[in-house]
PDB file of N, CA and C in Angstrom:
ATOM      1  N   UNK A   1      72.373 -31.302-195.666  1.00  0.00           N
ATOM      2  CA  UNK A   1      73.586 -31.175-194.975  1.00  0.00           C
ATOM      3  C   UNK A   1      74.345 -29.860-195.192  1.00  0.00           C
ATOM      4  N   UNK A   2      74.284 -29.311-196.435  1.00  0.00           N
ATOM      5  CA  UNK A   2      74.942 -27.993-196.770  1.00  0.00           C
ATOM      6  C   UNK A   2      74.255 -26.952-195.988  1.00  0.00           C
ATOM      7  N   UNK A   3      72.911 -27.068-195.962  1.00  0.00           N
ATOM      8  CA  UNK A   3      72.062 -26.053-195.212  1.00  0.00           C
ATOM      9  C   UNK A   3      72.469 -25.924-193.772  1.00  0.00           C
ATOM     10  N   UNK A   4      72.698 -27.158-193.208  1.00  0.00           N
ATOM     11  CA  UNK A   4      73.166 -27.103-191.807  1.00  0.00           C
ATOM     12  C   UNK A   4      74.515 -26.368-191.589  1.00  0.00           C
ATOM     13  N   UNK A   5      75.350 -26.570-192.575  1.00  0.00           N
ATOM     14  CA  UNK A   5      76.630 -25.808-192.372  1.00  0.00           C
ATOM     15  C   UNK A   5      76.500 -24.396-192.616  1.00  0.00           C
ATOM     16  N   UNK A   6      75.642 -23.999-193.437  1.00  0.00           N
ATOM     17  CA  UNK A   6      75.346 -22.558-193.654  1.00  0.00           C
ATOM     18  C   UNK A   6      74.691 -21.960-192.367  1.00  0.00           C
ATOM     19  N   UNK A   7      73.736 -22.653-191.768  1.00  0.00           N
ATOM     20  CA  UNK A   7      73.124 -22.108-190.634  1.00  0.00           C
ATOM     21  C   UNK A   7      74.058 -22.033-189.550  1.00  0.00           C
ATOM     22  N   UNK A   8      74.810 -23.046-189.289  1.00  0.00           N
ATOM     23  CA  UNK A   8      75.956 -23.079-188.341  1.00  0.00           C
ATOM     24  C   UNK A   8      76.915 -21.893-188.470  1.00  0.00           C
ATOM     25  N   UNK A   9      77.361 -21.625-189.671  1.00  0.00           N
ATOM     26  CA  UNK A   9      78.266 -20.501-189.852  1.00  0.00           C
ATOM     27  C   UNK A   9      77.527 -19.208-189.657  1.00  0.00           C
ATOM     28  N   UNK A  10      76.224 -19.078-190.003  1.00  0.00           N
ATOM     29  CA  UNK A  10      75.570 -17.758-189.736  1.00  0.00           C
ATOM     30  C   UNK A  10      75.465 -17.606-188.225  1.00  0.00           C
ATOM     31  N   UNK A  11      75.107 -18.618-187.472  1.00  0.00           N
ATOM     32  CA  UNK A  11      75.049 -18.558-186.079  1.00  0.00           C
ATOM     33  C   UNK A  11      76.454 -18.175-185.445  1.00  0.00           C
ATOM     34  N   UNK A  12      77.460 -18.856-186.027  1.00  0.00           N
ATOM     35  CA  UNK A  12      78.866 -18.589-185.329  1.00  0.00           C
ATOM     36  C   UNK A  12      79.201 -17.065-185.718  1.00  0.00           C
ATOM     37  N   UNK A  13      78.951 -16.678-186.893  1.00  0.00           N
ATOM     38  CA  UNK A  13      79.182 -15.325-187.256  1.00  0.00           C
ATOM     39  C   UNK A  13      78.544 -14.264-186.387  1.00  0.00           C
ATOM     40  N   UNK A  14      77.254 -14.413-186.187  1.00  0.00           N
ATOM     41  CA  UNK A  14      76.461 -13.635-185.331  1.00  0.00           C
ATOM     42  C   UNK A  14      76.952 -13.732-183.856  1.00  0.00           C
ATOM     43  N   UNK A  15      77.236 -14.842-183.414  1.00  0.00           N
ATOM     44  CA  UNK A  15      77.742 -14.962-182.112  1.00  0.00           C
ATOM     45  C   UNK A  15      79.085 -14.325-181.892  1.00  0.00           C
ATOM     46  N   UNK A  16      79.968 -14.412-182.857  1.00  0.00           N
ATOM     47  CA  UNK A  16      81.266 -13.676-182.799  1.00  0.00           C
ATOM     48  C   UNK A  16      81.149 -12.181-182.799  1.00  0.00           C
ATOM     49  N   UNK A  17      80.109 -11.719-183.622  1.00  0.00           N
ATOM     50  CA  UNK A  17      79.815 -10.255-183.688  1.00  0.00           C
ATOM     51  C   UNK A  17      79.346  -9.798-182.440  1.00  0.00           C
ATOM     52  N   UNK A  18      78.532 -10.544-181.778  1.00  0.00           N
ATOM     53  CA  UNK A  18      77.992 -10.226-180.434  1.00  0.00           C
ATOM     54  C   UNK A  18      79.048 -10.195-179.420  1.00  0.00           C
ATOM     55  N   UNK A  19      79.927 -11.227-179.416  1.00  0.00           N
ATOM     56  CA  UNK A  19      81.014 -11.185-178.374  1.00  0.00           C
ATOM     57  C   UNK A  19      81.901 -10.102-178.589  1.00  0.00           C
ATOM     58  N   UNK A  20      82.246  -9.683-179.804  1.00  0.00           N
ATOM     59  CA  UNK A  20      83.114  -8.612-179.943  1.00  0.00           C
ATOM     60  C   UNK A  20      82.638  -7.358-179.488  1.00  0.00           C
ATOM     61  N   UNK A  21      81.247  -7.069-179.794  1.00  0.00           N
ATOM     62  CA  UNK A  21      80.599  -5.944-179.364  1.00  0.00           C
ATOM     63  C   UNK A  21      80.474  -5.928-177.831  1.00  0.00           C
ATOM     64  N   UNK A  22      80.116  -7.084-177.246  1.00  0.00           N
ATOM     65  CA  UNK A  22      79.866  -7.187-175.743  1.00  0.00           C
ATOM     66  C   UNK A  22      81.297  -6.874-175.140  1.00  0.00           C
ATOM     67  N   UNK A  23      82.435  -7.483-175.680  1.00  0.00           N
ATOM     68  CA  UNK A  23      83.652  -7.279-174.983  1.00  0.00           C
ATOM     69  C   UNK A  23      84.097  -5.804-175.083  1.00  0.00           C
ATOM     70  N   UNK A  24      83.820  -5.207-176.113  1.00  0.00           N
ATOM     71  CA  UNK A  24      84.100  -3.645-176.245  1.00  0.00           C
ATOM     72  C   UNK A  24      83.375  -2.802-175.168  1.00  0.00           C
ATOM     73  N   UNK A  25      82.094  -3.302-175.040  1.00  0.00           N
ATOM     74  CA  UNK A  25      81.251  -2.515-173.975  1.00  0.00           C
ATOM     75  C   UNK A  25      81.834  -2.837-172.586  1.00  0.00           C
ATOM     76  N   UNK A  26      82.220  -4.125-172.323  1.00  0.00           N
ATOM     77  CA  UNK A  26      82.794  -4.424-171.063  1.00  0.00           C
ATOM     78  C   UNK A  26      84.151  -3.557-170.750  1.00  0.00           C
ATOM     79  N   UNK A  27      84.905  -3.510-171.843  1.00  0.00           N
ATOM     80  CA  UNK A  27      86.216  -2.858-171.680  1.00  0.00           C
ATOM     81  C   UNK A  27      85.981  -1.378-171.420  1.00  0.00           C
ATOM     82  N   UNK A  28      84.955  -0.845-172.086  1.00  0.00           N
ATOM     83  CA  UNK A  28      84.694   0.628-171.841  1.00  0.00           C
ATOM     84  C   UNK A  28      84.179   0.765-170.409  1.00  0.00           C
ATOM     85  N   UNK A  29      83.435  -0.269-169.947  1.00  0.00           N
ATOM     86  CA  UNK A  29      82.774  -0.159-168.644  1.00  0.00           C
ATOM     87  C   UNK A  29      83.902  -0.301-167.543  1.00  0.00           C
ATOM     88  N   UNK A  30      84.884  -1.077-167.868  1.00  0.00           N
ATOM     89  CA  UNK A  30      86.160  -1.251-166.943  1.00  0.00           C
ATOM     90  C   UNK A  30      86.903   0.075-166.784  1.00  0.00           C
ATOM     91  N   UNK A  31      87.161   0.710-167.949  1.00  0.00           N
ATOM     92  CA  UNK A  31      87.906   1.913-168.113  1.00  0.00           C
ATOM     93  C   UNK A  31      87.108   2.992-167.241  1.00  0.00           C
ATOM     94  N   UNK A  32      85.785   3.135-167.468  1.00  0.00           N
ATOM     95  CA  UNK A  32      85.009   4.037-166.777  1.00  0.00           C
ATOM     96  C   UNK A  32      85.010   3.872-165.168  1.00  0.00           C
ATOM     97  N   UNK A  33      85.003   2.589-164.853  1.00  0.00           N
ATOM     98  CA  UNK A  33      85.006   2.243-163.466  1.00  0.00           C
ATOM     99  C   UNK A  33      86.334   2.616-162.855  1.00  0.00           C
ATOM    100  N   UNK A  34      87.433   2.560-163.543  1.00  0.00           N
ATOM    101  CA  UNK A  34      88.819   2.940-163.106  1.00  0.00           C
ATOM    102  C   UNK A  34      88.776   4.465-162.926  1.00  0.00           C
ATOM    103  N   UNK A  35      88.274   5.176-163.929  1.00  0.00           N
ATOM    104  CA  UNK A  35      88.290   6.534-163.847  1.00  0.00           C
ATOM    105  C   UNK A  35      87.363   7.016-162.668  1.00  0.00           C
ATOM    106  N   UNK A  36      86.277   6.447-162.583  1.00  0.00           N
ATOM    107  CA  UNK A  36      85.337   6.779-161.410  1.00  0.00           C
ATOM    108  C   UNK A  36      85.918   6.557-160.133  1.00  0.00           C
ATOM    109  N   UNK A  37      86.644   5.351-160.005  1.00  0.00           N
ATOM    110  CA  UNK A  37      87.324   5.138-158.743  1.00  0.00           C
ATOM    111  C   UNK A  37      88.368   6.086-158.397  1.00  0.00           C
ATOM    112  N   UNK A  38      89.125   6.522-159.458  1.00  0.00           N
ATOM    113  CA  UNK A  38      90.163   7.613-159.223  1.00  0.00           C
ATOM    114  C   UNK A  38      89.420   8.852-158.706  1.00  0.00           C
ATOM    115  N   UNK A  39      88.404   9.396-159.334  1.00  0.00           N
ATOM    116  CA  UNK A  39      87.729  10.524-158.993  1.00  0.00           C
ATOM    117  C   UNK A  39      87.160  10.483-157.544  1.00  0.00           C
ATOM    118  N   UNK A  40      86.633   9.357-157.169  1.00  0.00           N
ATOM    119  CA  UNK A  40      86.021   9.134-155.803  1.00  0.00           C
ATOM    120  C   UNK A  40      87.137   9.116-154.773  1.00  0.00           C
ATOM    121  N   UNK A  41      88.263   8.591-155.033  1.00  0.00           N
ATOM    122  CA  UNK A  41      89.335   8.535-154.008  1.00  0.00           C
ATOM    123  C   UNK A  41      90.053   9.889-153.896  1.00  0.00           C
ATOM    124  N   UNK A  42      90.104  10.653-154.999  1.00  0.00           N
ATOM    125  CA  UNK A  42      90.770  11.922-154.888  1.00  0.00           C
ATOM    126  C   UNK A  42      89.974  13.118-154.444  1.00  0.00           C
ATOM    127  N   UNK A  43      88.711  13.061-154.527  1.00  0.00           N
ATOM    128  CA  UNK A  43      87.771  14.058-154.203  1.00  0.00           C
ATOM    129  C   UNK A  43      87.363  13.972-152.625  1.00  0.00           C
ATOM    130  N   UNK A  44      87.777  15.008-151.846  1.00  0.00           N
ATOM    131  CA  UNK A  44      87.407  15.025-150.487  1.00  0.00           C
ATOM    132  C   UNK A  44      85.936  15.589-150.361  1.00  0.00           C
ATOM    133  N   UNK A  45      85.468  16.085-151.336  1.00  0.00           N
ATOM    134  CA  UNK A  45      84.039  16.705-151.119  1.00  0.00           C
ATOM    135  C   UNK A  45      83.003  15.684-151.263  1.00  0.00           C
ATOM    136  N   UNK A  46      83.234  14.526-151.847  1.00  0.00           N
ATOM    137  CA  UNK A  46      82.141  13.526-151.973  1.00  0.00           C
ATOM    138  C   UNK A  46      81.938  12.699-150.521  1.00  0.00           C
ATOM    139  N   UNK A  47      80.765  12.736-150.345  1.00  0.00           N
ATOM    140  CA  UNK A  47      80.574  12.055-148.944  1.00  0.00           C
ATOM    141  C   UNK A  47      80.709  10.476-149.073  1.00  0.00           C
ATOM    142  N   UNK A  48      80.968   9.854-148.027  1.00  0.00           N
ATOM    143  CA  UNK A  48      81.112   8.449-147.990  1.00  0.00           C
ATOM    144  C   UNK A  48      79.890   7.619-148.467  1.00  0.00           C
ATOM    145  N   UNK A  49      78.734   8.249-148.007  1.00  0.00           N
ATOM    146  CA  UNK A  49      77.546   7.545-148.456  1.00  0.00           C
ATOM    147  C   UNK A  49      77.320   7.569-150.058  1.00  0.00           C
ATOM    148  N   UNK A  50      77.771   8.624-150.581  1.00  0.00           N
ATOM    149  CA  UNK A  50      77.613   8.752-152.066  1.00  0.00           C
ATOM    150  C   UNK A  50      78.603   7.631-152.679  1.00  0.00           C
ATOM    151  N   UNK A  51      79.846   7.636-152.095  1.00  0.00           N
ATOM    152  CA  UNK A  51      80.878   6.636-152.659  1.00  0.00           C
ATOM    153  C   UNK A  51      80.450   5.200-152.447  1.00  0.00           C
ATOM    154  N   UNK A  52      79.740   4.875-151.345  1.00  0.00           N
ATOM    155  CA  UNK A  52      79.130   3.635-151.119  1.00  0.00           C
ATOM    156  C   UNK A  52      78.087   3.307-152.197  1.00  0.00           C
ATOM    157  N   UNK A  53      77.286   4.234-152.409  1.00  0.00           N
ATOM    158  CA  UNK A  53      76.129   4.099-153.355  1.00  0.00           C
ATOM    159  C   UNK A  53      76.795   3.881-154.740  1.00  0.00           C
ATOM    160  N   UNK A  54      77.772   4.492-155.176  1.00  0.00           N
ATOM    161  CA  UNK A  54      78.395   4.391-156.463  1.00  0.00           C
ATOM    162  C   UNK A  54      79.010   2.969-156.594  1.00  0.00           C
ATOM    163  N   UNK A  55      79.622   2.451-155.518  1.00  0.00           N
ATOM    164  CA  UNK A  55      80.222   1.164-155.569  1.00  0.00           C
ATOM    165  C   UNK A  55      79.239   0.118-155.600  1.00  0.00           C
ATOM    166  N   UNK A  56      78.195   0.246-154.883  1.00  0.00           N
ATOM    167  CA  UNK A  56      77.009  -0.695-154.973  1.00  0.00           C
ATOM    168  C   UNK A  56      76.548  -0.735-156.432  1.00  0.00           C
ATOM    169  N   UNK A  57      76.385   0.330-156.936  1.00  0.00           N
ATOM    170  CA  UNK A  57      75.792   0.511-158.416  1.00  0.00           C
ATOM    171  C   UNK A  57      76.725  -0.220-159.354  1.00  0.00           C
ATOM    172  N   UNK A  58      78.157   0.022-159.098  1.00  0.00           N
ATOM    173  CA  UNK A  58      79.100  -0.704-160.037  1.00  0.00           C
ATOM    174  C   UNK A  58      78.933  -2.197-159.929  1.00  0.00           C
ATOM    175  N   UNK A  59      78.775  -2.752-158.701  1.00  0.00           N
ATOM    176  CA  UNK A  59      78.647  -4.183-158.426  1.00  0.00           C
ATOM    177  C   UNK A  59      77.387  -4.748-159.167  1.00  0.00           C
ATOM    178  N   UNK A  60      76.323  -4.014-159.033  1.00  0.00           N
ATOM    179  CA  UNK A  60      75.043  -4.403-159.536  1.00  0.00           C
ATOM    180  C   UNK A  60      75.206  -4.510-161.035  1.00  0.00           C
ATOM    181  N   UNK A  61      75.898  -3.449-161.745  1.00  0.00           N
ATOM    182  CA  UNK A  61      76.032  -3.290-163.082  1.00  0.00           C
ATOM    183  C   UNK A  61      76.852  -4.595-163.677  1.00  0.00           C
ATOM    184  N   UNK A  62      77.946  -4.854-162.870  1.00  0.00           N
ATOM    185  CA  UNK A  62      78.955  -5.934-163.286  1.00  0.00           C
ATOM    186  C   UNK A  62      78.046  -7.252-163.329  1.00  0.00           C
ATOM    187  N   UNK A  63      77.233  -7.502-162.282  1.00  0.00           N
ATOM    188  CA  UNK A  63      76.506  -8.777-162.077  1.00  0.00           C
ATOM    189  C   UNK A  63      75.507  -8.865-163.118  1.00  0.00           C
ATOM    190  N   UNK A  64      74.793  -7.729-163.603  1.00  0.00           N
ATOM    191  CA  UNK A  64      73.811  -7.728-164.599  1.00  0.00           C
ATOM    192  C   UNK A  64      74.478  -8.070-166.027  1.00  0.00           C
ATOM    193  N   UNK A  65      75.640  -7.499-166.121  1.00  0.00           N
ATOM    194  CA  UNK A  65      76.404  -7.757-167.335  1.00  0.00           C
ATOM    195  C   UNK A  65      76.840  -9.302-167.585  1.00  0.00           C
ATOM    196  N   UNK A  66      77.257  -9.754-166.429  1.00  0.00           N
ATOM    197  CA  UNK A  66      77.619 -11.238-166.509  1.00  0.00           C
ATOM    198  C   UNK A  66      76.425 -12.061-166.659  1.00  0.00           C
ATOM    199  N   UNK A  67      75.323 -11.723-166.078  1.00  0.00           N
ATOM    200  CA  UNK A  67      74.115 -12.465-166.171  1.00  0.00           C
ATOM    201  C   UNK A  67      73.565 -12.449-167.736  1.00  0.00           C
ATOM    202  N   UNK A  68      73.757 -11.218-168.296  1.00  0.00           N
ATOM    203  CA  UNK A  68      73.313 -11.032-169.671  1.00  0.00           C
ATOM    204  C   UNK A  68      74.086 -11.895-170.673  1.00  0.00           C
ATOM    205  N   UNK A  69      75.413 -11.874-170.388  1.00  0.00           N
ATOM    206  CA  UNK A  69      76.352 -12.719-171.236  1.00  0.00           C
ATOM    207  C   UNK A  69      76.049 -14.217-171.198  1.00  0.00           C
ATOM    208  N   UNK A  70      75.793 -14.610-169.896  1.00  0.00           N
ATOM    209  CA  UNK A  70      75.442 -16.021-169.715  1.00  0.00           C
ATOM    210  C   UNK A  70      74.077 -16.450-170.385  1.00  0.00           C
ATOM    211  N   UNK A  71      73.120 -15.499-170.258  1.00  0.00           N
ATOM    212  CA  UNK A  71      71.897 -15.765-170.969  1.00  0.00           C
ATOM    213  C   UNK A  71      72.054 -15.810-172.549  1.00  0.00           C
ATOM    214  N   UNK A  72      72.889 -14.903-173.065  1.00  0.00           N
ATOM    215  CA  UNK A  72      73.127 -14.908-174.472  1.00  0.00           C
ATOM    216  C   UNK A  72      73.804 -16.189-174.886  1.00  0.00           C
ATOM    217  N   UNK A  73      74.841 -16.621-174.148  1.00  0.00           N
ATOM    218  CA  UNK A  73      75.559 -17.900-174.530  1.00  0.00           C
ATOM    219  C   UNK A  73      74.550 -19.122-174.553  1.00  0.00           C
ATOM    220  N   UNK A  74      73.666 -19.172-173.374  1.00  0.00           N
ATOM    221  CA  UNK A  74      72.740 -20.295-173.338  1.00  0.00           C
ATOM    222  C   UNK A  74      71.836 -20.272-174.564  1.00  0.00           C
ATOM    223  N   UNK A  75      71.334 -19.036-174.967  1.00  0.00           N
ATOM    224  CA  UNK A  75      70.415 -18.873-176.065  1.00  0.00           C
ATOM    225  C   UNK A  75      71.051 -19.268-177.343  1.00  0.00           C
ATOM    226  N   UNK A  76      72.320 -18.871-177.624  1.00  0.00           N
ATOM    227  CA  UNK A  76      72.925 -19.299-178.862  1.00  0.00           C
ATOM    228  C   UNK A  76      73.007 -20.750-178.956  1.00  0.00           C
ATOM    229  N   UNK A  77      73.371 -21.478-177.791  1.00  0.00           N
ATOM    230  CA  UNK A  77      73.373 -22.911-177.746  1.00  0.00           C
ATOM    231  C   UNK A  77      72.008 -23.548-178.133  1.00  0.00           C
ATOM    232  N   UNK A  78      70.963 -22.937-177.539  1.00  0.00           N
ATOM    233  CA  UNK A  78      69.579 -23.415-177.863  1.00  0.00           C
ATOM    234  C   UNK A  78      69.250 -23.244-179.214  1.00  0.00           C
ATOM    235  N   UNK A  79      69.629 -22.169-179.756  1.00  0.00           N
ATOM    236  CA  UNK A  79      69.345 -21.822-181.187  1.00  0.00           C
ATOM    237  C   UNK A  79      69.944 -22.857-182.168  1.00  0.00           C
ATOM    238  N   UNK A  80      71.232 -23.186-181.822  1.00  0.00           N
ATOM    239  CA  UNK A  80      71.954 -24.217-182.618  1.00  0.00           C
ATOM    240  C   UNK A  80      71.189 -25.477-182.549  1.00  0.00           C
ATOM    241  N   UNK A  81      70.810 -25.998-181.345  1.00  0.00           N
ATOM    242  CA  UNK A  81      70.142 -27.231-181.140  1.00  0.00           C
ATOM    243  C   UNK A  81      68.879 -27.282-181.864  1.00  0.00           C
ATOM    244  N   UNK A  82      68.100 -26.066-181.938  1.00  0.00           N
ATOM    245  CA  UNK A  82      66.933 -26.088-182.606  1.00  0.00           C
ATOM    246  C   UNK A  82      66.999 -26.066-184.048  1.00  0.00           C
ATOM    247  N   UNK A  83      68.065 -25.396-184.619  1.00  0.00           N
ATOM    248  CA  UNK A  83      68.093 -25.219-186.055  1.00  0.00           C
ATOM    249  C   UNK A  83      68.931 -26.259-186.693  1.00  0.00           C
ATOM    250  N   UNK A  84      69.844 -26.816-186.021  1.00  0.00           N
ATOM    251  CA  UNK A  84      70.917 -27.815-186.654  1.00  0.00           C
ATOM    252  C   UNK A  84      70.668 -29.137-186.044  1.00  0.00           C
ATOM    253  N   UNK A  85      70.126 -30.130-186.741  1.00  0.00           N
ATOM    254  CA  UNK A  85      70.024 -31.539-186.182  1.00  0.00           C
ATOM    255  C   UNK A  85      71.362 -32.074-185.866  1.00  0.00           C
ATOM    256  N   UNK A  86      71.422 -32.869-184.733  1.00  0.00           N
ATOM    257  CA  UNK A  86      72.679 -33.484-184.360  1.00  0.00           C
ATOM    258  C   UNK A  86      73.563 -32.693-183.544  1.00  0.00           C
ATOM    259  N   UNK A  87      73.367 -31.408-183.343  1.00  0.00           N
ATOM    260  CA  UNK A  87      74.206 -30.578-182.489  1.00  0.00           C
ATOM    261  C   UNK A  87      73.648 -30.810-180.988  1.00  0.00           C
ATOM    262  N   UNK A  88      74.612 -31.221-180.102  1.00  0.00           N
ATOM    263  CA  UNK A  88      74.262 -31.299-178.770  1.00  0.00           C
ATOM    264  C   UNK A  88      74.573 -29.998-177.988  1.00  0.00           C
ATOM    265  N   UNK A  89      73.780 -29.744-176.976  1.00  0.00           N
ATOM    266  CA  UNK A  89      73.995 -28.620-176.129  1.00  0.00           C
ATOM    267  C   UNK A  89      75.188 -28.759-175.230  1.00  0.00           C
ATOM    268  N   UNK A  90      76.038 -27.735-175.316  1.00  0.00           N
ATOM    269  CA  UNK A  90      77.215 -27.822-174.326  1.00  0.00           C
ATOM    270  C   UNK A  90      76.796 -27.625-172.918  1.00  0.00           C
ATOM    271  N   UNK A  91      77.497 -28.227-172.062  1.00  0.00           N
ATOM    272  CA  UNK A  91      77.094 -28.195-170.629  1.00  0.00           C
ATOM    273  C   UNK A  91      77.475 -26.820-170.134  1.00  0.00           C
ATOM    274  N   UNK A  92      76.637 -26.174-169.331  1.00  0.00           N
ATOM    275  CA  UNK A  92      76.940 -24.949-168.691  1.00  0.00           C
ATOM    276  C   UNK A  92      78.152 -24.915-167.837  1.00  0.00           C
ATOM    277  N   UNK A  93      78.889 -23.732-168.049  1.00  0.00           N
ATOM    278  CA  UNK A  93      80.099 -23.626-167.234  1.00  0.00           C
ATOM    279  C   UNK A  93      79.734 -23.527-165.667  1.00  0.00           C
ATOM    280  N   UNK A  94      80.564 -23.976-164.782  1.00  0.00           N
ATOM    281  CA  UNK A  94      80.204 -23.886-163.348  1.00  0.00           C
ATOM    282  C   UNK A  94      80.652 -22.401-162.926  1.00  0.00           C
ATOM    283  N   UNK A  95      79.769 -21.874-162.131  1.00  0.00           N
ATOM    284  CA  UNK A  95      80.121 -20.441-161.706  1.00  0.00           C
ATOM    285  C   UNK A  95      81.209 -20.604-160.626  1.00  0.00           C
ATOM    286  N   UNK A  96      81.963 -19.508-160.658  1.00  0.00           N
ATOM    287  CA  UNK A  96      83.096 -19.390-159.635  1.00  0.00           C
ATOM    288  C   UNK A  96      82.671 -18.741-158.377  1.00  0.00           C
TER     289      UNK A  96
END
């Protein structure tokens, strides 16, 4: 029983460290996106096709980031289920 608590604490610690790092990267990405949007809006030299390409790239990056976070959350849940007896898998959150 004590081993289960230690394993749970280690998983929780690692998950918290991952989430902190992930949130830092997401905040950096959001700030970079705001700066890029400002540059794109203020620069008359950049063609509309380039602006559309950059906006599409930002959307792809945001989706990939969200998919990565979802996969990490699911795998942490699976890890807990495998290593700690009696832990039930939480139900996945509904997508908006």
